[in-house]
Amino acid sequence: MLLGHTEDLAEYAEHGGLMEVEAESVAYVVSGMAGFNTSAYSVGYIAGWSDGDTELIKSTAARVLRTAHQIAGILTPEDDATGATEDVA
């Protein structure tokens, strides 16, 4: 959703491989940030949708990382990120 892949289904039909590479790459990075190793699934999935085109994968890096960090910000409330804690009575 954050990548905008569902906004134009005709665009998805034309560039579905690129969009799947982006989406799974984001999922892979975010899962890794959460401590999960999804490489057994993700690497093959990404390789399949990219047809092994490493340049295609590299071309998605900026969008993938920006979106992964956006999700990380949502999952990590600002108070947690700064080390602040709340007193719970």
PDB file of N, CA and C in Angstrom:
ATOM      1  N   MET A   1       0.817  -1.184   0.000  1.00  0.00           N
ATOM      2  CA  MET A   1       0.000   0.000   0.000  1.00  0.00           C
ATOM      3  C   MET A   1       0.870   1.261   0.000  1.00  0.00           C
ATOM      4  N   LEU A   2       1.897   1.280   0.818  1.00  0.00           N
ATOM      5  CA  LEU A   2       2.753   2.468   0.912  1.00  0.00           C
ATOM      6  C   LEU A   2       3.524   2.722  -0.380  1.00  0.00           C
ATOM      7  N   LEU A   3       3.750   1.688  -1.148  1.00  0.00           N
ATOM      8  CA  LEU A   3       4.458   1.841  -2.418  1.00  0.00           C
ATOM      9  C   LEU A   3       3.536   2.324  -3.532  1.00  0.00           C
ATOM     10  N   GLY A   4       2.220   2.326  -3.300  1.00  0.00           N
ATOM     11  CA  GLY A   4       1.273   2.800  -4.292  1.00  0.00           C
ATOM     12  C   GLY A   4       0.944   1.796  -5.380  1.00  0.00           C
ATOM     13  N   HIS A   5       1.231   0.534  -5.136  1.00  0.00           N
ATOM     14  CA  HIS A   5       1.029  -0.478  -6.165  1.00  0.00           C
ATOM     15  C   HIS A   5      -0.431  -0.763  -6.469  1.00  0.00           C
ATOM     16  N   THR A   6      -1.332  -0.399  -5.594  1.00  0.00           N
ATOM     17  CA  THR A   6      -2.746  -0.708  -5.817  1.00  0.00           C
ATOM     18  C   THR A   6      -3.521   0.463  -6.407  1.00  0.00           C
ATOM     19  N   GLU A   7      -2.845   1.563  -6.659  1.00  0.00           N
ATOM     20  CA  GLU A   7      -3.526   2.753  -7.163  1.00  0.00           C
ATOM     21  C   GLU A   7      -3.910   2.648  -8.630  1.00  0.00           C
ATOM     22  N   ASP A   8      -3.148   1.913  -9.412  1.00  0.00           N
ATOM     23  CA  ASP A   8      -3.399   1.809 -10.846  1.00  0.00           C
ATOM     24  C   ASP A   8      -3.167   0.366 -11.278  1.00  0.00           C
ATOM     25  N   LEU A   9      -4.257  -0.385 -11.400  1.00  0.00           N
ATOM     26  CA  LEU A   9      -4.119  -1.798 -11.718  1.00  0.00           C
ATOM     27  C   LEU A   9      -3.576  -2.041 -13.124  1.00  0.00           C
ATOM     28  N   ALA A  10      -3.805  -1.117 -14.034  1.00  0.00           N
ATOM     29  CA  ALA A  10      -3.218  -1.248 -15.378  1.00  0.00           C
ATOM     30  C   ALA A  10      -1.697  -1.128 -15.283  1.00  0.00           C
ATOM     31  N   GLU A  11      -1.237  -0.239 -14.427  1.00  0.00           N
ATOM     32  CA  GLU A  11       0.208  -0.082 -14.195  1.00  0.00           C
ATOM     33  C   GLU A  11       0.785  -1.361 -13.599  1.00  0.00           C
ATOM     34  N   TYR A  12       0.040  -1.966 -12.668  1.00  0.00           N
ATOM     35  CA  TYR A  12       0.491  -3.221 -12.078  1.00  0.00           C
ATOM     36  C   TYR A  12       0.573  -4.313 -13.144  1.00  0.00           C
ATOM     37  N   ALA A  13      -0.419  -4.374 -14.010  1.00  0.00           N
ATOM     38  CA  ALA A  13      -0.411  -5.391 -15.059  1.00  0.00           C
ATOM     39  C   ALA A  13       0.817  -5.241 -15.962  1.00  0.00           C
ATOM     40  N   GLU A  14       1.228  -4.005 -16.182  1.00  0.00           N
ATOM     41  CA  GLU A  14       2.370  -3.740 -17.052  1.00  0.00           C
ATOM     42  C   GLU A  14       3.714  -3.920 -16.345  1.00  0.00           C
ATOM     43  N   HIS A  15       3.765  -3.578 -15.053  1.00  0.00           N
ATOM     44  CA  HIS A  15       5.031  -3.591 -14.306  1.00  0.00           C
ATOM     45  C   HIS A  15       4.936  -4.444 -13.042  1.00  0.00           C
ATOM     46  N   GLY A  16       4.168  -5.515 -13.105  1.00  0.00           N
ATOM     47  CA  GLY A  16       3.955  -6.369 -11.938  1.00  0.00           C
ATOM     48  C   GLY A  16       5.239  -6.946 -11.365  1.00  0.00           C
ATOM     49  N   GLY A  17       6.171  -7.334 -12.215  1.00  0.00           N
ATOM     50  CA  GLY A  17       7.433  -7.897 -11.732  1.00  0.00           C
ATOM     51  C   GLY A  17       8.203  -6.915 -10.883  1.00  0.00           C
ATOM     52  N   LEU A  18       8.320  -5.686 -11.353  1.00  0.00           N
ATOM     53  CA  LEU A  18       9.011  -4.642 -10.602  1.00  0.00           C
ATOM     54  C   LEU A  18       8.313  -4.398  -9.268  1.00  0.00           C
ATOM     55  N   MET A  19       6.997  -4.335  -9.307  1.00  0.00           N
ATOM     56  CA  MET A  19       6.241  -4.057  -8.085  1.00  0.00           C
ATOM     57  C   MET A  19       6.348  -5.202  -7.085  1.00  0.00           C
ATOM     58  N   GLU A  20       6.356  -6.429  -7.560  1.00  0.00           N
ATOM     59  CA  GLU A  20       6.524  -7.577  -6.660  1.00  0.00           C
ATOM     60  C   GLU A  20       7.924  -7.584  -6.048  1.00  0.00           C
ATOM     61  N   VAL A  21       8.932  -7.227  -6.855  1.00  0.00           N
ATOM     62  CA  VAL A  21      10.302  -7.130  -6.336  1.00  0.00           C
ATOM     63  C   VAL A  21      10.353  -6.085  -5.226  1.00  0.00           C
ATOM     64  N   GLU A  22       9.755  -4.924  -5.461  1.00  0.00           N
ATOM     65  CA  GLU A  22       9.736  -3.871  -4.438  1.00  0.00           C
ATOM     66  C   GLU A  22       9.014  -4.332  -3.180  1.00  0.00           C
ATOM     67  N   ALA A  23       7.822  -4.884  -3.349  1.00  0.00           N
ATOM     68  CA  ALA A  23       7.011  -5.270  -2.193  1.00  0.00           C
ATOM     69  C   ALA A  23       7.694  -6.341  -1.351  1.00  0.00           C
ATOM     70  N   GLU A  24       8.214  -7.372  -1.989  1.00  0.00           N
ATOM     71  CA  GLU A  24       8.864  -8.440  -1.231  1.00  0.00           C
ATOM     72  C   GLU A  24      10.177  -7.967  -0.626  1.00  0.00           C
ATOM     73  N   SER A  25      10.871  -7.071  -1.311  1.00  0.00           N
ATOM     74  CA  SER A  25      12.111  -6.524  -0.759  1.00  0.00           C
ATOM     75  C   SER A  25      11.820  -5.719   0.507  1.00  0.00           C
ATOM     76  N   VAL A  26      10.740  -4.943   0.490  1.00  0.00           N
ATOM     77  CA  VAL A  26      10.343  -4.205   1.691  1.00  0.00           C
ATOM     78  C   VAL A  26      10.020  -5.191   2.813  1.00  0.00           C
ATOM     79  N   ALA A  27       9.245  -6.212   2.495  1.00  0.00           N
ATOM     80  CA  ALA A  27       8.889  -7.217   3.503  1.00  0.00           C
ATOM     81  C   ALA A  27      10.137  -7.890   4.067  1.00  0.00           C
ATOM     82  N   TYR A  28      11.099  -8.180   3.206  1.00  0.00           N
ATOM     83  CA  TYR A  28      12.350  -8.817   3.631  1.00  0.00           C
ATOM     84  C   TYR A  28      13.133  -7.919   4.581  1.00  0.00           C
ATOM     85  N   VAL A  29      13.263  -6.645   4.229  1.00  0.00           N
ATOM     86  CA  VAL A  29      14.018  -5.707   5.071  1.00  0.00           C
ATOM     87  C   VAL A  29      13.313  -5.499   6.414  1.00  0.00           C
ATOM     88  N   VAL A  30      12.014  -5.274   6.385  1.00  0.00           N
ATOM     89  CA  VAL A  30      11.270  -5.040   7.629  1.00  0.00           C
ATOM     90  C   VAL A  30      11.299  -6.291   8.510  1.00  0.00           C
ATOM     91  N   SER A  31      11.160  -7.455   7.918  1.00  0.00           N
ATOM     92  CA  SER A  31      11.237  -8.693   8.691  1.00  0.00           C
ATOM     93  C   SER A  31      12.605  -8.831   9.351  1.00  0.00           C
ATOM     94  N   GLY A  32      13.651  -8.494   8.615  1.00  0.00           N
ATOM     95  CA  GLY A  32      14.994  -8.542   9.180  1.00  0.00           C
ATOM     96  C   GLY A  32      15.162  -7.571  10.331  1.00  0.00           C
ATOM     97  N   MET A  33      14.577  -6.381  10.202  1.00  0.00           N
ATOM     98  CA  MET A  33      14.645  -5.393  11.282  1.00  0.00           C
ATOM     99  C   MET A  33      13.929  -5.895  12.533  1.00  0.00           C
ATOM    100  N   ALA A  34      12.925  -6.742  12.336  1.00  0.00           N
ATOM    101  CA  ALA A  34      12.166  -7.294  13.453  1.00  0.00           C
ATOM    102  C   ALA A  34      12.791  -8.587  13.995  1.00  0.00           C
ATOM    103  N   GLY A  35      13.898  -9.008  13.387  1.00  0.00           N
ATOM    104  CA  GLY A  35      14.600 -10.186  13.877  1.00  0.00           C
ATOM    105  C   GLY A  35      14.230 -11.497  13.202  1.00  0.00           C
ATOM    106  N   PHE A  36      13.483 -11.424  12.103  1.00  0.00           N
ATOM    107  CA  PHE A  36      13.093 -12.630  11.383  1.00  0.00           C
ATOM    108  C   PHE A  36      13.941 -12.781  10.123  1.00  0.00           C
ATOM    109  N   ASN A  37      14.400 -13.988   9.876  1.00  0.00           N
ATOM    110  CA  ASN A  37      15.164 -14.278   8.668  1.00  0.00           C
ATOM    111  C   ASN A  37      14.228 -14.942   7.658  1.00  0.00           C
ATOM    112  N   THR A  38      13.819 -14.182   6.652  1.00  0.00           N
ATOM    113  CA  THR A  38      12.902 -14.711   5.638  1.00  0.00           C
ATOM    114  C   THR A  38      13.628 -15.005   4.327  1.00  0.00           C
ATOM    115  N   SER A  39      14.954 -15.046   4.376  1.00  0.00           N
ATOM    116  CA  SER A  39      15.718 -15.209   3.139  1.00  0.00           C
ATOM    117  C   SER A  39      15.386 -16.494   2.398  1.00  0.00           C
ATOM    118  N   ALA A  40      15.058 -17.568   3.104  1.00  0.00           N
ATOM    119  CA  ALA A  40      14.747 -18.830   2.434  1.00  0.00           C
ATOM    120  C   ALA A  40      13.578 -18.669   1.462  1.00  0.00           C
ATOM    121  N   TYR A  41      12.636 -17.813   1.791  1.00  0.00           N
ATOM    122  CA  TYR A  41      11.498 -17.555   0.912  1.00  0.00           C
ATOM    123  C   TYR A  41      11.738 -16.334   0.037  1.00  0.00           C
ATOM    124  N   SER A  42      12.148 -15.230   0.653  1.00  0.00           N
ATOM    125  CA  SER A  42      12.201 -13.931  -0.025  1.00  0.00           C
ATOM    126  C   SER A  42      13.186 -13.888  -1.180  1.00  0.00           C
ATOM    127  N   VAL A  43      14.362 -14.439  -0.996  1.00  0.00           N
ATOM    128  CA  VAL A  43      15.387 -14.354  -2.039  1.00  0.00           C
ATOM    129  C   VAL A  43      14.912 -15.032  -3.324  1.00  0.00           C
ATOM    130  N   GLY A  44      14.345 -16.206  -3.204  1.00  0.00           N
ATOM    131  CA  GLY A  44      13.838 -16.899  -4.380  1.00  0.00           C
ATOM    132  C   GLY A  44      12.665 -16.179  -5.025  1.00  0.00           C
ATOM    133  N   TYR A  45      11.792 -15.628  -4.199  1.00  0.00           N
ATOM    134  CA  TYR A  45      10.635 -14.900  -4.710  1.00  0.00           C
ATOM    135  C   TYR A  45      11.087 -13.673  -5.491  1.00  0.00           C
ATOM    136  N   ILE A  46      12.014 -12.918  -4.920  1.00  0.00           N
ATOM    137  CA  ILE A  46      12.539 -11.716  -5.574  1.00  0.00           C
ATOM    138  C   ILE A  46      13.275 -12.093  -6.863  1.00  0.00           C
ATOM    139  N   ALA A  47      14.081 -13.129  -6.788  1.00  0.00           N
ATOM    140  CA  ALA A  47      14.818 -13.563  -7.981  1.00  0.00           C
ATOM    141  C   ALA A  47      13.858 -13.990  -9.089  1.00  0.00           C
ATOM    142  N   GLY A  48      12.789 -14.659  -8.722  1.00  0.00           N
ATOM    143  CA  GLY A  48      11.815 -15.103  -9.715  1.00  0.00           C
ATOM    144  C   GLY A  48      11.112 -13.945 -10.407  1.00  0.00           C
ATOM    145  N   TRP A  49      10.630 -12.981  -9.624  1.00  0.00           N
ATOM    146  CA  TRP A  49       9.917 -11.847 -10.204  1.00  0.00           C
ATOM    147  C   TRP A  49      10.844 -10.927 -10.982  1.00  0.00           C
ATOM    148  N   SER A  50      12.125 -10.909 -10.635  1.00  0.00           N
ATOM    149  CA  SER A  50      13.070 -10.045 -11.352  1.00  0.00           C
ATOM    150  C   SER A  50      13.698 -10.764 -12.530  1.00  0.00           C
ATOM    151  N   ASP A  51      13.381 -12.021 -12.712  1.00  0.00           N
ATOM    152  CA  ASP A  51      14.025 -12.854 -13.729  1.00  0.00           C
ATOM    153  C   ASP A  51      15.544 -12.848 -13.569  1.00  0.00           C
ATOM    154  N   GLY A  52      16.005 -12.742 -12.325  1.00  0.00           N
ATOM    155  CA  GLY A  52      17.435 -12.750 -12.039  1.00  0.00           C
ATOM    156  C   GLY A  52      18.164 -11.486 -12.441  1.00  0.00           C
ATOM    157  N   ASP A  53      17.420 -10.430 -12.747  1.00  0.00           N
ATOM    158  CA  ASP A  53      18.013  -9.159 -13.194  1.00  0.00           C
ATOM    159  C   ASP A  53      18.459  -8.339 -11.977  1.00  0.00           C
ATOM    160  N   THR A  54      19.742  -8.420 -11.646  1.00  0.00           N
ATOM    161  CA  THR A  54      20.245  -7.715 -10.467  1.00  0.00           C
ATOM    162  C   THR A  54      20.148  -6.198 -10.619  1.00  0.00           C
ATOM    163  N   GLU A  55      20.221  -5.703 -11.843  1.00  0.00           N
ATOM    164  CA  GLU A  55      20.074  -4.252 -12.057  1.00  0.00           C
ATOM    165  C   GLU A  55      18.658  -3.789 -11.708  1.00  0.00           C
ATOM    166  N   LEU A  56      17.665  -4.604 -12.003  1.00  0.00           N
ATOM    167  CA  LEU A  56      16.292  -4.284 -11.621  1.00  0.00           C
ATOM    168  C   LEU A  56      16.181  -4.207 -10.105  1.00  0.00           C
ATOM    169  N   ILE A  57      16.764  -5.182  -9.429  1.00  0.00           N
ATOM    170  CA  ILE A  57      16.721  -5.194  -7.967  1.00  0.00           C
ATOM    171  C   ILE A  57      17.429  -3.966  -7.408  1.00  0.00           C
ATOM    172  N   LYS A  58      18.603  -3.650  -7.926  1.00  0.00           N
ATOM    173  CA  LYS A  58      19.340  -2.471  -7.471  1.00  0.00           C
ATOM    174  C   LYS A  58      18.552  -1.188  -7.703  1.00  0.00           C
ATOM    175  N   SER A  59      17.818  -1.137  -8.805  1.00  0.00           N
ATOM    176  CA  SER A  59      17.078   0.088  -9.133  1.00  0.00           C
ATOM    177  C   SER A  59      15.945   0.363  -8.154  1.00  0.00           C
ATOM    178  N   THR A  60      15.542  -0.643  -7.391  1.00  0.00           N
ATOM    179  CA  THR A  60      14.458  -0.470  -6.429  1.00  0.00           C
ATOM    180  C   THR A  60      14.959  -0.088  -5.037  1.00  0.00           C
ATOM    181  N   ALA A  61      16.244  -0.078  -4.833  1.00  0.00           N
ATOM    182  CA  ALA A  61      16.814   0.063  -3.486  1.00  0.00           C
ATOM    183  C   ALA A  61      16.341   1.312  -2.747  1.00  0.00           C
ATOM    184  N   ALA A  62      16.344   2.460  -3.385  1.00  0.00           N
ATOM    185  CA  ALA A  62      15.969   3.699  -2.687  1.00  0.00           C
ATOM    186  C   ALA A  62      14.518   3.652  -2.218  1.00  0.00           C
ATOM    187  N   ARG A  63      13.609   3.226  -3.105  1.00  0.00           N
ATOM    188  CA  ARG A  63      12.189   3.131  -2.719  1.00  0.00           C
ATOM    189  C   ARG A  63      11.978   2.077  -1.644  1.00  0.00           C
ATOM    190  N   VAL A  64      12.672   0.955  -1.776  1.00  0.00           N
ATOM    191  CA  VAL A  64      12.547  -0.124  -0.802  1.00  0.00           C
ATOM    192  C   VAL A  64      13.000   0.349   0.571  1.00  0.00           C
ATOM    193  N   LEU A  65      14.169   0.957   0.648  1.00  0.00           N
ATOM    194  CA  LEU A  65      14.682   1.401   1.945  1.00  0.00           C
ATOM    195  C   LEU A  65      13.848   2.519   2.544  1.00  0.00           C
ATOM    196  N   ARG A  66      13.405   3.456   1.713  1.00  0.00           N
ATOM    197  CA  ARG A  66      12.550   4.547   2.208  1.00  0.00           C
ATOM    198  C   ARG A  66      11.260   3.981   2.802  1.00  0.00           C
ATOM    199  N   THR A  67      10.660   3.038   2.107  1.00  0.00           N
ATOM    200  CA  THR A  67       9.405   2.456   2.579  1.00  0.00           C
ATOM    201  C   THR A  67       9.628   1.593   3.816  1.00  0.00           C
ATOM    202  N   ALA A  68      10.708   0.826   3.844  1.00  0.00           N
ATOM    203  CA  ALA A  68      11.020  -0.002   5.013  1.00  0.00           C
ATOM    204  C   ALA A  68      11.228   0.872   6.243  1.00  0.00           C
ATOM    205  N   HIS A  69      11.917   1.986   6.082  1.00  0.00           N
ATOM    206  CA  HIS A  69      12.136   2.886   7.221  1.00  0.00           C
ATOM    207  C   HIS A  69      10.837   3.564   7.641  1.00  0.00           C
ATOM    208  N   GLN A  70       9.962   3.834   6.689  1.00  0.00           N
ATOM    209  CA  GLN A  70       8.658   4.398   7.015  1.00  0.00           C
ATOM    210  C   GLN A  70       7.865   3.402   7.872  1.00  0.00           C
ATOM    211  N   ILE A  71       7.880   2.146   7.488  1.00  0.00           N
ATOM    212  CA  ILE A  71       7.182   1.110   8.263  1.00  0.00           C
ATOM    213  C   ILE A  71       7.826   0.951   9.639  1.00  0.00           C
ATOM    214  N   ALA A  72       9.138   0.971   9.686  1.00  0.00           N
ATOM    215  CA  ALA A  72       9.834   0.859  10.974  1.00  0.00           C
ATOM    216  C   ALA A  72       9.430   2.000  11.901  1.00  0.00           C
ATOM    217  N   GLY A  73       9.265   3.189  11.350  1.00  0.00           N
ATOM    218  CA  GLY A  73       8.828   4.332  12.150  1.00  0.00           C
ATOM    219  C   GLY A  73       7.431   4.142  12.695  1.00  0.00           C
ATOM    220  N   ILE A  74       6.578   3.498  11.928  1.00  0.00           N
ATOM    221  CA  ILE A  74       5.214   3.218  12.379  1.00  0.00           C
ATOM    222  C   ILE A  74       5.230   2.163  13.484  1.00  0.00           C
ATOM    223  N   LEU A  75       6.081   1.159  13.324  1.00  0.00           N
ATOM    224  CA  LEU A  75       6.144   0.061  14.283  1.00  0.00           C
ATOM    225  C   LEU A  75       6.886   0.425  15.563  1.00  0.00           C
ATOM    226  N   THR A  76       7.723   1.444  15.502  1.00  0.00           N
ATOM    227  CA  THR A  76       8.501   1.873  16.656  1.00  0.00           C
ATOM    228  C   THR A  76       8.044   3.256  17.064  1.00  0.00           C
ATOM    229  N   PRO A  77       7.164   3.338  18.052  1.00  0.00           N
ATOM    230  CA  PRO A  77       6.717   4.664  18.492  1.00  0.00           C
ATOM    231  C   PRO A  77       7.908   5.527  18.882  1.00  0.00           C
ATOM    232  N   GLU A  78       7.769   6.818  18.696  1.00  0.00           N
ATOM    233  CA  GLU A  78       8.875   7.745  18.925  1.00  0.00           C
ATOM    234  C   GLU A  78       9.458   7.634  20.327  1.00  0.00           C
ATOM    235  N   ASP A  79       8.614   7.430  21.343  1.00  0.00           N
ATOM    236  CA  ASP A  79       9.116   7.304  22.703  1.00  0.00           C
ATOM    237  C   ASP A  79      10.046   6.103  22.830  1.00  0.00           C
ATOM    238  N   ASP A  80       9.679   4.988  22.168  1.00  0.00           N
ATOM    239  CA  ASP A  80      10.541   3.802  22.202  1.00  0.00           C
ATOM    240  C   ASP A  80      11.854   4.067  21.485  1.00  0.00           C
ATOM    241  N   ALA A  81      11.813   4.798  20.393  1.00  0.00           N
ATOM    242  CA  ALA A  81      13.008   5.049  19.594  1.00  0.00           C
ATOM    243  C   ALA A  81      14.013   5.910  20.346  1.00  0.00           C
ATOM    244  N   THR A  82      13.533   6.790  21.222  1.00  0.00           N
ATOM    245  CA  THR A  82      14.438   7.669  21.961  1.00  0.00           C
ATOM    246  C   THR A  82      14.879   7.080  23.287  1.00  0.00           C
ATOM    247  N   GLY A  83      14.319   5.927  23.639  1.00  0.00           N
ATOM    248  CA  GLY A  83      14.679   5.303  24.897  1.00  0.00           C
ATOM    249  C   GLY A  83      13.833   5.771  26.056  1.00  0.00           C
ATOM    250  N   ALA A  84      12.892   6.672  25.825  1.00  0.00           N
ATOM    251  CA  ALA A  84      12.021   7.160  26.892  1.00  0.00           C
ATOM    252  C   ALA A  84      11.053   6.065  27.289  1.00  0.00           C
ATOM    253  N   THR A  85      10.694   6.051  28.530  1.00  0.00           N
ATOM    254  CA  THR A  85       9.724   5.071  29.001  1.00  0.00           C
ATOM    255  C   THR A  85       8.596   5.785  29.697  1.00  0.00           C
ATOM    256  N   GLU A  86       7.452   5.133  29.721  1.00  0.00           N
ATOM    257  CA  GLU A  86       6.301   5.688  30.412  1.00  0.00           C
ATOM    258  C   GLU A  86       6.146   4.982  31.743  1.00  0.00           C
ATOM    259  N   ASP A  87       5.794   5.723  32.772  1.00  0.00           N
ATOM    260  CA  ASP A  87       5.483   5.119  34.053  1.00  0.00           C
ATOM    261  C   ASP A  87       4.057   4.596  34.015  1.00  0.00           C
ATOM    262  N   VAL A  88       3.915   3.342  34.356  1.00  0.00           N
ATOM    263  CA  VAL A  88       2.582   2.747  34.398  1.00  0.00           C
ATOM    264  C   VAL A  88       2.270   2.445  35.849  1.00  0.00           C
ATOM    265  N   ALA A  89       1.200   3.040  36.352  1.00  0.00           N
ATOM    266  CA  ALA A  89       0.845   2.856  37.776  1.00  0.00           C
ATOM    267  C   ALA A  89      -0.073   1.689  37.948  1.00  0.00           C
TER     268      ALA A  89
END
